N, C-alpha and C. Protein backbone atom coordinates (compact mmCIF):
# COMPACT_ATOMS: atom_id res chain seq x y z
N MET A 1 163.16 109.95 10.55
CA MET A 1 162.72 111.30 10.74
C MET A 1 162.72 112.06 11.73
N LYS A 2 163.47 113.13 12.37
CA LYS A 2 163.29 113.82 13.53
C LYS A 2 161.56 114.11 13.50
N LYS A 3 161.41 114.80 15.33
CA LYS A 3 160.35 114.72 15.65
C LYS A 3 159.17 115.76 15.10
N GLU A 4 160.28 117.18 14.91
CA GLU A 4 160.04 118.25 15.23
C GLU A 4 159.99 118.17 13.39
N ILE A 5 160.85 117.78 12.69
CA ILE A 5 160.24 117.38 11.22
C ILE A 5 159.55 117.02 11.15
N LEU A 6 159.08 116.05 11.08
CA LEU A 6 157.77 115.62 10.72
C LEU A 6 156.26 115.92 11.09
N LEU A 7 156.07 116.84 12.30
CA LEU A 7 155.48 117.34 12.68
C LEU A 7 155.41 118.99 11.33
N GLN A 8 156.14 119.09 10.59
CA GLN A 8 156.47 119.95 10.42
C GLN A 8 155.51 119.97 8.71
N GLU A 9 155.60 118.42 7.68
CA GLU A 9 155.61 118.33 6.98
C GLU A 9 154.39 117.65 6.88
N LEU A 10 153.60 117.29 7.97
CA LEU A 10 152.26 116.92 8.11
C LEU A 10 150.95 118.05 8.44
N GLU A 11 151.89 119.55 8.38
CA GLU A 11 151.25 120.70 8.20
C GLU A 11 151.21 120.64 7.02
N LYS A 12 152.33 120.54 6.79
CA LYS A 12 152.28 121.02 5.23
C LYS A 12 151.05 120.19 4.92
N ILE A 13 151.38 118.46 5.11
CA ILE A 13 149.92 117.83 3.52
C ILE A 13 148.74 118.98 4.13
N ALA A 14 148.75 119.35 5.60
CA ALA A 14 147.41 119.87 5.97
C ALA A 14 147.04 120.73 5.19
N LYS A 15 148.03 122.11 4.63
CA LYS A 15 147.77 122.93 3.99
C LYS A 15 147.57 122.44 2.78
N LYS A 16 148.37 121.72 1.79
CA LYS A 16 147.85 120.69 0.95
C LYS A 16 146.31 120.71 0.82
N LEU A 17 145.04 120.14 1.83
CA LEU A 17 144.54 119.57 2.25
C LEU A 17 143.62 121.22 1.68
N ASN A 18 143.91 122.39 2.11
CA ASN A 18 142.82 123.16 2.45
C ASN A 18 142.78 123.52 3.80
N LEU A 19 143.67 122.16 4.74
CA LEU A 19 142.61 122.53 6.28
C LEU A 19 143.65 123.37 6.67
N ASP A 20 143.10 124.39 7.96
CA ASP A 20 143.42 124.84 8.91
C ASP A 20 144.31 124.66 10.37
N VAL A 21 145.54 124.83 10.09
CA VAL A 21 145.90 124.49 11.84
C VAL A 21 145.86 125.32 12.39
N ARG A 22 145.74 125.42 14.34
CA ARG A 22 145.30 125.87 15.05
C ARG A 22 145.68 125.31 15.96
N TYR A 23 146.96 125.61 16.88
CA TYR A 23 147.69 125.66 17.82
C TYR A 23 146.31 126.16 18.86
N GLU A 24 145.94 125.58 20.08
CA GLU A 24 145.78 126.15 20.96
C GLU A 24 145.27 125.43 21.89
N LYS A 25 144.88 126.84 23.01
CA LYS A 25 145.03 125.91 24.88
C LYS A 25 143.55 125.15 24.61
N LEU A 26 143.45 123.99 24.96
CA LEU A 26 142.59 123.44 24.53
C LEU A 26 142.03 122.51 25.84
N GLN A 27 142.12 122.91 27.31
CA GLN A 27 142.11 122.49 28.56
C GLN A 27 142.24 121.02 28.63
N LEU A 28 141.50 120.65 28.76
CA LEU A 28 141.49 118.71 28.42
C LEU A 28 140.87 118.01 27.25
N LEU A 29 141.36 118.73 26.46
CA LEU A 29 141.14 118.22 24.64
C LEU A 29 142.03 118.30 23.75
N ARG A 30 142.41 116.50 23.07
CA ARG A 30 143.37 117.06 22.37
C ARG A 30 143.43 117.62 21.53
N GLY A 31 142.06 117.78 20.92
CA GLY A 31 141.99 118.39 19.45
C GLY A 31 140.88 117.89 18.72
N GLY A 32 141.25 118.65 16.89
CA GLY A 32 140.18 117.04 16.03
C GLY A 32 139.95 118.39 14.81
N ILE A 33 139.07 118.33 13.89
CA ILE A 33 138.84 118.65 12.78
C ILE A 33 137.29 119.24 13.75
N CYS A 34 137.49 119.88 12.74
CA CYS A 34 136.05 120.94 12.95
C CYS A 34 136.07 122.42 11.84
N ARG A 35 134.53 121.94 11.51
CA ARG A 35 133.90 122.47 9.76
C ARG A 35 133.26 123.72 10.51
N VAL A 36 133.72 124.98 10.01
CA VAL A 36 133.04 125.85 9.86
C VAL A 36 132.82 126.76 8.81
N GLU A 37 131.15 126.34 8.34
CA GLU A 37 130.35 126.44 6.81
C GLU A 37 131.88 125.53 5.93
N GLU A 38 131.79 126.19 5.03
CA GLU A 38 132.70 125.22 4.11
C GLU A 38 134.22 125.57 4.28
N SER A 39 135.35 125.74 5.48
CA SER A 39 136.21 125.53 5.98
C SER A 39 136.37 123.80 6.23
N PHE A 40 137.25 123.80 6.62
CA PHE A 40 137.80 122.82 7.48
C PHE A 40 139.40 122.44 8.77
N TYR A 41 139.40 123.35 9.59
CA TYR A 41 140.37 123.55 11.14
C TYR A 41 140.31 122.19 12.04
N LEU A 42 141.76 121.97 12.02
CA LEU A 42 142.56 120.69 13.02
C LEU A 42 143.31 122.31 14.15
N PHE A 43 142.54 121.95 15.04
CA PHE A 43 142.98 123.06 16.38
C PHE A 43 143.54 121.02 17.60
N ILE A 44 145.06 121.52 17.33
CA ILE A 44 145.64 120.65 18.11
C ILE A 44 146.05 121.41 20.32
N ASN A 45 145.74 120.89 20.86
CA ASN A 45 146.10 121.09 21.59
C ASN A 45 147.53 121.60 21.97
N LYS A 46 148.24 122.84 22.14
CA LYS A 46 149.44 123.02 21.65
C LYS A 46 150.28 122.63 23.08
N ASP A 47 149.56 122.28 24.67
CA ASP A 47 150.48 121.43 25.50
C ASP A 47 149.81 119.85 25.76
N LEU A 48 150.25 120.15 24.56
CA LEU A 48 150.27 118.05 23.74
C LEU A 48 152.12 117.86 23.88
N PRO A 49 152.48 116.98 24.72
CA PRO A 49 153.38 117.07 24.31
C PRO A 49 153.84 116.75 22.32
N ILE A 50 154.50 116.48 21.54
CA ILE A 50 154.60 116.79 20.37
C ILE A 50 154.43 114.75 19.67
N GLU A 51 154.52 113.79 20.46
CA GLU A 51 154.26 112.81 20.19
C GLU A 51 152.70 113.08 19.75
N ASN A 52 151.78 112.68 20.93
CA ASN A 52 151.02 113.11 20.70
C ASN A 52 150.08 114.59 19.89
N GLN A 53 151.12 115.91 19.66
CA GLN A 53 150.40 116.37 18.49
C GLN A 53 150.70 115.54 16.86
N ILE A 54 151.47 114.25 17.00
CA ILE A 54 151.79 113.82 15.59
C ILE A 54 150.61 112.49 15.74
N ASP A 55 150.54 112.14 16.77
CA ASP A 55 149.54 111.06 16.21
C ASP A 55 148.05 111.77 16.32
N LEU A 56 147.72 112.44 16.34
CA LEU A 56 146.26 113.86 16.02
C LEU A 56 146.32 114.04 14.66
N PHE A 57 147.34 114.44 13.68
CA PHE A 57 147.49 114.28 13.11
C PHE A 57 147.12 113.21 12.33
N LEU A 58 148.27 112.22 12.41
CA LEU A 58 147.83 111.08 12.21
C LEU A 58 146.28 110.76 12.08
N THR A 59 145.88 110.90 13.07
CA THR A 59 144.50 110.14 12.51
C THR A 59 143.40 111.50 12.51
N GLU A 60 143.78 112.53 11.93
CA GLU A 60 143.13 112.90 11.23
C GLU A 60 143.28 113.13 9.79
N LEU A 61 144.32 113.31 9.58
CA LEU A 61 144.73 113.40 7.71
C LEU A 61 144.38 112.07 7.61
N LYS A 62 144.53 111.21 8.19
CA LYS A 62 144.21 109.55 7.68
C LYS A 62 142.27 109.71 6.61
N ARG A 63 141.36 111.23 8.10
CA ARG A 63 139.97 110.53 7.02
C ARG A 63 140.22 111.46 5.45
N PHE A 64 140.97 112.17 4.74
CA PHE A 64 141.77 112.31 3.71
C PHE A 64 141.64 111.22 2.80
N ASP A 65 140.84 111.79 1.17
CA ASP A 65 142.03 111.12 -0.03
C ASP A 65 143.26 111.22 -0.15
N LEU A 66 144.67 110.48 0.40
CA LEU A 66 145.29 112.06 0.19
C LEU A 66 146.43 110.82 -1.67
N SER A 67 145.43 110.58 -2.52
CA SER A 67 146.18 109.86 -3.65
C SER A 67 146.52 110.55 -4.79
N GLN A 68 145.41 112.68 -4.21
CA GLN A 68 146.17 113.64 -5.09
C GLN A 68 147.59 114.60 -4.78
N ILE A 69 147.94 114.44 -3.89
CA ILE A 69 148.67 114.48 -3.69
C ILE A 69 150.05 114.17 -2.90
N PHE A 70 150.99 113.78 -2.96
CA PHE A 70 153.09 113.34 -2.84
C PHE A 70 152.62 113.71 -0.88
N VAL A 71 153.00 112.32 -0.81
CA VAL A 71 152.78 112.49 0.54
C VAL A 71 154.82 111.52 0.77
N LEU A 72 155.13 111.93 1.53
CA LEU A 72 156.89 110.92 1.45
C LEU A 72 156.55 110.29 1.76
N PRO A 73 157.62 108.95 1.34
CA PRO A 73 156.52 108.11 1.60
C PRO A 73 156.89 107.52 3.02
N GLN A 74 158.11 108.41 3.85
CA GLN A 74 157.51 107.16 5.53
C GLN A 74 156.68 108.02 5.75
N ILE A 75 155.85 109.57 5.71
CA ILE A 75 154.61 109.98 5.79
C ILE A 75 153.56 108.54 5.93
N ARG A 76 153.82 108.56 4.82
CA ARG A 76 152.36 108.06 4.22
C ARG A 76 152.52 105.93 4.88
N GLU A 77 153.68 105.74 5.57
CA GLU A 77 152.97 104.32 5.57
C GLU A 77 152.66 104.84 7.08
N LEU A 78 153.21 105.81 7.66
CA LEU A 78 152.76 106.07 9.50
C LEU A 78 151.20 106.54 9.20
N LEU A 79 150.76 106.45 7.72
CA LEU A 79 149.62 106.88 7.44
C LEU A 79 148.58 105.27 7.59
N GLU A 80 149.33 105.10 6.84
CA GLU A 80 148.32 103.52 6.88
C GLU A 80 149.07 102.04 7.55
N ASN A 81 149.60 102.67 8.75
CA ASN A 81 149.59 101.49 9.72
C ASN A 81 149.01 102.23 10.72
N LYS A 82 148.72 103.18 11.20
CA LYS A 82 147.97 104.32 12.06
C LYS A 82 146.25 103.30 12.45
N ASP A 83 146.70 102.66 13.37
CA ASP A 83 145.87 101.87 14.37
C ASP A 83 145.20 100.68 13.28
N GLN A 84 146.56 100.26 12.85
CA GLN A 84 146.72 98.82 12.72
C GLN A 84 147.55 97.61 14.15
């Protein structure tokens, strides 16, 4: 799967989780999840290479219960193998 398509699919999963994805200039930070009241935001440093953006998505999405939403098998495998 092309990296751009993979990133789009990860964004779709985040949307299903009611996770608002924001691409921002974050200086030296990669990004991560932030909770404001009852809303969750995933901030991603827009200056990161796409590989690092994908890695950040995988790291953060792995924290959520994805059992009740459809995740493409390729992406589910990436999530399951993340940091193993």
